C-alpha cells in the first residue's frame, strides 16, 4: 500500500517524505540536506497539528494522517487538488497506516546495526573487531572493503580524519565511515590506515544528518581511545560498545530547537484546515 500512496503523492509533487513522530523516515524523495530541515520543522509543529489537519507554509505542506504518521510535500498552490489527494489517502489507507506504522513510533533511539573497526594491513583491508559478534562475516568483510575504498581517493592515505556517509542498500542501512591513521613504525609509511564504521537503520538517517557534529565528536573520542589501546592491550571491544551506546542514545528529543524564520512562525499560527 505504501507504493500506492507514493503514486498519489508523485501525482502532486516529485518532492515528498513520510515521517513518523519520532523522526524516522519511512520513505522520501527529498535530498539528504532537506531531511534535516524537515525534521526540525516536524519538531516545531508536532504539538500543533491534530490528526487530519493540513499545514501549509509557503511551498511546504504538512499533513498528519494518523497520530504518528506525517506526510511532507513540497508543493506550491493548487489547494483543491492537494485536499482531494490527501482525503483520498485518508479514506483508503488510514487504518493500514495506523496498524503498520503507529506501533513503530516512539522508539527513543537510533538503531545501530553494526560497529566495525577496519585497518589497511600489509595483506590488505581487514576487519579487526566488530559488534555484534554474530553479524554475518561475509557482510562484515564487504562493509570493511567499502569503507577502506574511501582511501583510494586519498593519495597519502588517511592522513586527515574524515567522516563521510555511505548508503548500504543491501543492508537497508546508512554507513557512517570515519577514517584515520594508526602510527606504527612497522607499517609502510609509518602508519596504518584505519576506519570506524557505524551502520544505522536507513529510516534513522534524518536524525543522523541532524546530529552530524555530535556523532563526529563521538568518533574522534573513540579514535583517541583506539590509538591508546593499540599501544597497549589492543582491547577495542569496550570502545566500540561505548560508541554504539552513544549513537543509539541520540533521539528526536535531542534535536536542537528549531530556528525557523519569524515569518514562518507567524504563518504557522494562521494555518487552518484545507
Protein backbone atom coordinates (compact mmCIF):
# COMPACT_ATOMS: atom_id res chain seq x y z
CA UNK A 1 0.00 0.00 0.00
CA UNK A 2 2.94 2.33 0.54
CA UNK A 3 3.64 2.09 -3.19
CA UNK A 4 0.06 3.17 -3.93
CA UNK A 5 0.42 6.15 -1.59
CA UNK A 6 3.69 7.17 -3.23
CA UNK A 7 1.98 7.11 -6.62
CA UNK A 8 -0.67 9.51 -5.32
CA UNK A 9 1.98 11.83 -3.91
CA UNK A 10 4.02 11.67 -7.11
CA UNK A 11 0.95 12.99 -8.93
CA UNK A 12 1.12 16.04 -6.66
CA UNK A 13 4.85 16.66 -6.46
CA UNK A 14 8.19 14.89 -7.06
CA UNK A 15 9.34 16.03 -3.59
CA UNK A 16 7.76 14.44 -0.50
CA UNK A 17 8.51 12.37 2.59
CA UNK A 18 6.81 10.16 5.18
CA UNK A 19 7.96 10.85 8.75
CA UNK A 20 6.99 9.12 11.95
CA UNK A 21 6.56 11.29 15.02
CA UNK A 22 9.92 10.11 16.41
CA UNK A 23 11.80 11.43 13.37
CA UNK A 24 12.15 8.17 11.45
CA UNK A 25 11.92 8.44 7.66
CA UNK A 26 9.71 5.73 6.17
CA UNK A 27 10.00 6.85 2.54
CA UNK A 28 11.34 10.02 0.95
CA UNK A 29 12.26 11.62 -2.37
CA UNK A 30 13.83 14.64 -0.66
CA UNK A 31 17.53 15.41 -0.86
CA UNK A 32 19.51 14.41 2.21
CA UNK A 33 20.20 18.04 3.15
CA UNK A 34 16.45 18.70 3.14
CA UNK A 35 15.66 15.87 5.55
CA UNK A 36 17.37 17.55 8.49
CA UNK A 37 15.45 20.76 7.81
CA UNK A 38 12.17 18.86 7.63
CA UNK A 39 12.99 17.12 10.91
CA UNK A 40 13.38 20.49 12.62
CA UNK A 41 10.08 21.67 11.14
CA UNK A 42 8.43 18.50 12.43
CA UNK A 43 9.76 19.19 15.90
CA UNK A 44 8.30 22.69 15.73
CA UNK A 45 4.78 21.73 14.65
CA UNK A 46 4.31 18.26 16.12
CA UNK A 47 2.31 19.57 19.10
CA UNK A 48 0.32 21.99 16.95
CA UNK A 49 -1.15 19.70 14.31
CA UNK A 50 -4.12 17.47 15.05
CA UNK A 51 -4.88 14.26 13.14
CA UNK A 52 -6.45 15.15 9.80
CA UNK A 53 -5.06 18.69 9.80
CA UNK A 54 -3.07 20.20 6.95
CA UNK A 55 -0.48 22.95 7.50
CA UNK A 56 0.84 24.98 4.58
CA UNK A 57 3.86 27.25 4.96
CA UNK A 58 4.84 28.79 1.63
CA UNK A 59 5.54 25.75 -0.55
CA UNK A 60 5.61 23.20 2.30
CA UNK A 61 2.55 21.06 3.00
CA UNK A 62 2.42 19.04 6.23
CA UNK A 63 -0.36 16.52 6.78
CA UNK A 64 -0.89 14.46 9.94
CA UNK A 65 -2.76 11.43 8.67
CA UNK A 66 -2.52 9.48 11.96
CA UNK A 67 -1.18 10.38 15.38
CA UNK A 68 2.32 9.15 14.47
CA UNK A 69 2.37 9.39 10.66
CA UNK A 70 3.16 12.65 8.84
CA UNK A 71 3.30 13.44 5.13
CA UNK A 72 5.53 16.32 3.96
CA UNK A 73 5.08 17.66 0.43
CA UNK A 74 7.00 20.43 -1.34
CA UNK A 75 4.25 21.90 -3.48
CA UNK A 76 3.09 25.40 -4.41
CA UNK A 77 -0.60 26.30 -4.60
CA UNK A 78 -3.35 24.08 -6.01
CA UNK A 79 -5.15 23.67 -2.67
CA UNK A 80 -8.21 21.85 -4.08
CA UNK A 81 -6.04 19.16 -5.67
CA UNK A 82 -3.94 18.79 -2.50
CA UNK A 83 -7.08 18.41 -0.40
CA UNK A 84 -8.55 15.88 -2.82
CA UNK A 85 -5.44 13.69 -2.88
CA UNK A 86 -4.84 13.78 0.89
CA UNK A 87 -8.50 12.96 1.52
CA UNK A 88 -8.09 10.02 -0.85
CA UNK A 89 -5.10 8.75 1.13
CA UNK A 90 -7.01 9.08 4.41
CA UNK A 91 -10.07 7.31 3.10
CA UNK A 92 -8.18 4.37 1.64
CA UNK A 93 -5.14 3.89 3.86
CA UNK A 94 -5.55 5.43 7.32
CA UNK A 95 -6.44 2.14 9.01
CA UNK A 96 -3.48 0.42 7.35
CA UNK A 97 -1.07 3.17 8.39
CA UNK A 98 -2.30 3.11 11.99
CA UNK A 99 -1.84 -0.64 12.16
CA UNK A 100 1.51 -0.86 10.41
CA UNK A 101 3.34 2.29 11.48
CA UNK A 102 1.90 3.84 14.62
CA UNK A 103 3.25 0.92 16.62
CA UNK A 104 6.75 1.65 15.25
CA UNK A 105 6.83 5.20 16.55
CA UNK A 106 8.10 6.06 19.98
CA UNK A 107 11.35 4.09 19.80
CA UNK A 108 13.62 6.58 21.51
CA UNK A 109 16.92 5.67 19.89
CA UNK A 110 18.77 5.27 16.62
CA UNK A 111 19.06 1.61 15.68
CA UNK A 112 22.74 0.72 15.29
CA UNK A 113 23.17 -2.45 13.24
CA UNK A 114 26.97 -2.70 13.21
CA UNK A 115 30.07 -1.02 14.61
CA UNK A 116 33.30 -2.04 12.89
CA UNK A 117 36.99 -1.22 13.20
CA UNK A 118 38.92 -1.89 9.99
CA UNK A 119 42.60 -1.48 9.13
CA UNK A 120 44.60 -1.47 5.93
CA UNK A 121 47.26 -4.05 6.77
CA UNK A 122 50.13 -5.27 4.58
CA UNK A 123 47.94 -8.10 3.25
CA UNK A 124 45.05 -5.74 2.55
CA UNK A 125 41.94 -4.33 4.27
CA UNK A 126 40.90 -6.36 7.29
CA UNK A 127 38.07 -6.19 9.83
CA UNK A 128 39.79 -6.05 13.24
CA UNK A 129 36.76 -6.22 15.54
CA UNK A 130 33.03 -5.65 15.24
CA UNK A 131 29.81 -5.75 17.24
CA UNK A 132 27.53 -7.54 17.41
CA UNK A 133 29.91 -10.53 17.03
CA UNK A 134 27.16 -12.62 15.41
CA UNK A 135 26.91 -10.24 12.43
CA UNK A 136 27.44 -12.16 9.18
CA UNK A 137 31.21 -12.36 8.49
CA UNK A 138 30.77 -12.10 4.75
CA UNK A 139 28.79 -8.89 5.09
CA UNK A 140 31.32 -7.53 7.58
CA UNK A 141 34.07 -8.06 5.01
CA UNK A 142 32.01 -6.21 2.37
CA UNK A 143 31.46 -3.29 4.73
CA UNK A 144 35.18 -3.29 5.55
CA UNK A 145 36.18 -3.20 1.88
CA UNK A 146 33.70 -0.44 1.04
CA UNK A 147 34.84 1.64 4.00
CA UNK A 148 38.52 1.33 3.14
CA UNK A 149 37.84 2.11 -0.52
CA UNK A 150 37.25 5.70 0.57
CA UNK A 151 41.02 5.89 0.98
CA UNK A 152 41.64 5.25 -2.71
CA UNK A 153 40.80 8.93 -3.28
CA UNK A 154 43.43 9.97 -0.75
CA UNK A 155 46.90 9.91 -2.31
CA UNK A 156 48.57 9.98 1.09
CA UNK A 157 46.14 7.66 2.87
CA UNK A 158 44.11 8.69 5.89
CA UNK A 159 46.50 11.45 6.93
CA UNK A 160 43.49 13.56 7.89
CA UNK A 161 40.49 12.47 9.93
CA UNK A 162 37.39 12.39 7.77
CA UNK A 163 33.74 11.45 8.32
CA UNK A 164 31.56 10.52 5.37
CA UNK A 165 28.22 8.85 4.73
CA UNK A 166 27.74 5.78 2.55
CA UNK A 167 24.47 4.00 1.74
CA UNK A 168 24.46 0.22 2.17
CA UNK A 169 21.32 -0.55 0.20
CA UNK A 170 21.58 -4.32 0.56
CA UNK A 171 21.61 -3.92 4.35
CA UNK A 172 18.95 -1.17 4.41
CA UNK A 173 21.49 0.92 6.32
CA UNK A 174 23.36 4.20 6.23
CA UNK A 175 27.08 3.91 6.91
CA UNK A 176 28.99 6.50 8.91
CA UNK A 177 32.63 5.99 7.98
CA UNK A 178 35.37 7.75 9.94
CA UNK A 179 38.88 7.26 8.53
CA UNK A 180 42.11 7.99 10.39
CA UNK A 181 45.66 6.65 10.83
CA UNK A 182 47.29 4.48 13.47
CA UNK A 183 51.00 5.15 13.77
CA UNK A 184 53.23 2.08 13.73
CA UNK A 185 56.92 2.01 12.85
CA UNK A 186 56.45 -1.43 11.27
CA UNK A 187 53.85 -0.15 8.81
CA UNK A 188 54.66 1.10 5.35
CA UNK A 189 54.98 4.87 5.67
CA UNK A 190 54.96 4.58 9.45
CA UNK A 191 51.17 4.27 9.84
CA UNK A 192 48.21 2.03 9.07
CA UNK A 193 45.06 3.44 7.55
CA UNK A 194 42.02 2.68 9.72
CA UNK A 195 38.27 3.20 9.64
CA UNK A 196 35.48 3.19 12.19
CA UNK A 197 32.21 2.30 10.51
CA UNK A 198 28.75 2.53 12.04
CA UNK A 199 25.73 1.12 10.21
CA UNK A 200 22.40 2.60 11.29
CA UNK A 201 18.91 1.86 10.03
CA UNK A 202 18.23 3.89 6.90
CA UNK A 203 14.98 5.11 8.47
CA UNK A 204 17.04 6.98 11.08
CA UNK A 205 19.11 8.96 8.56
CA UNK A 206 17.38 12.30 9.25
CA UNK A 207 18.36 12.04 12.92
CA UNK A 208 21.90 11.14 11.88
CA UNK A 209 22.22 14.07 9.46
CA UNK A 210 20.83 16.47 12.04
CA UNK A 211 23.33 15.29 14.67
CA UNK A 212 26.38 15.17 12.39
CA UNK A 213 28.58 17.27 14.69
CA UNK A 214 27.73 15.27 17.79
CA UNK A 215 28.44 11.96 16.04
CA UNK A 216 31.75 13.25 14.67
CA UNK A 217 32.76 14.16 18.23
CA UNK A 218 31.89 10.66 19.43
CA UNK A 219 34.00 9.16 16.64
CA UNK A 220 37.00 11.36 17.40
CA UNK A 221 36.82 10.38 21.06
CA UNK A 222 36.66 6.70 20.09
CA UNK A 223 39.63 7.14 17.75
CA UNK A 224 41.77 8.51 20.61
CA UNK A 225 40.83 5.53 22.79
CA UNK A 226 41.67 3.13 19.94
CA UNK A 227 45.07 4.76 19.47
CA UNK A 228 45.84 4.30 23.17
CA UNK A 229 44.62 0.69 23.12
CA UNK A 230 46.75 -0.04 20.06
CA UNK A 231 49.85 0.83 22.07
CA UNK A 232 48.80 -1.39 24.98
CA UNK A 233 46.43 -4.35 25.11
CA UNK A 234 44.62 -3.84 21.75
CA UNK A 235 41.33 -4.36 23.56
CA UNK A 236 38.84 -2.37 21.46
CA UNK A 237 35.58 -4.08 22.46
CA UNK A 238 34.63 -1.56 25.15
CA UNK A 239 35.40 1.35 22.82
CA UNK A 240 33.06 0.01 20.15
CA UNK A 241 30.30 -0.76 22.65
CA UNK A 242 30.50 2.72 24.17
CA UNK A 243 30.34 4.23 20.68
CA UNK A 244 27.28 2.14 19.86
CA UNK A 245 25.51 3.30 23.02
CA UNK A 246 26.31 6.99 22.43
CA UNK A 247 24.99 6.93 18.86
CA UNK A 248 21.91 4.88 19.70
CA UNK A 249 21.01 7.28 22.51
CA UNK A 250 20.53 10.13 20.03
CA UNK A 251 16.79 10.63 19.64
CA UNK A 252 14.18 13.08 18.43
CA UNK A 253 14.17 14.94 21.73
CA UNK A 254 17.87 15.74 21.37
CA UNK A 255 17.37 17.61 18.09
CA UNK A 256 18.01 21.29 18.78
CA UNK A 257 15.12 23.69 18.96
CA UNK A 258 14.03 24.89 15.56
CA UNK A 259 15.45 28.20 14.38
CA UNK A 260 12.76 28.79 11.79
CA UNK A 261 12.42 32.32 10.47
CA UNK A 262 9.99 34.60 12.28
CA UNK A 263 7.99 34.91 9.08
CA UNK A 264 7.45 31.16 9.01
CA UNK A 265 6.42 31.03 12.67
CA UNK A 266 3.85 33.77 12.09
CA UNK A 267 2.39 31.86 9.16
CA UNK A 268 2.15 28.69 11.20
CA UNK A 269 -0.06 30.47 13.74
CA UNK A 270 -2.51 31.35 10.94
CA UNK A 271 -2.72 27.91 9.39
CA UNK A 272 -6.10 26.20 9.17
CA UNK A 273 -7.53 23.02 7.73
CA UNK A 274 -7.93 22.78 3.98
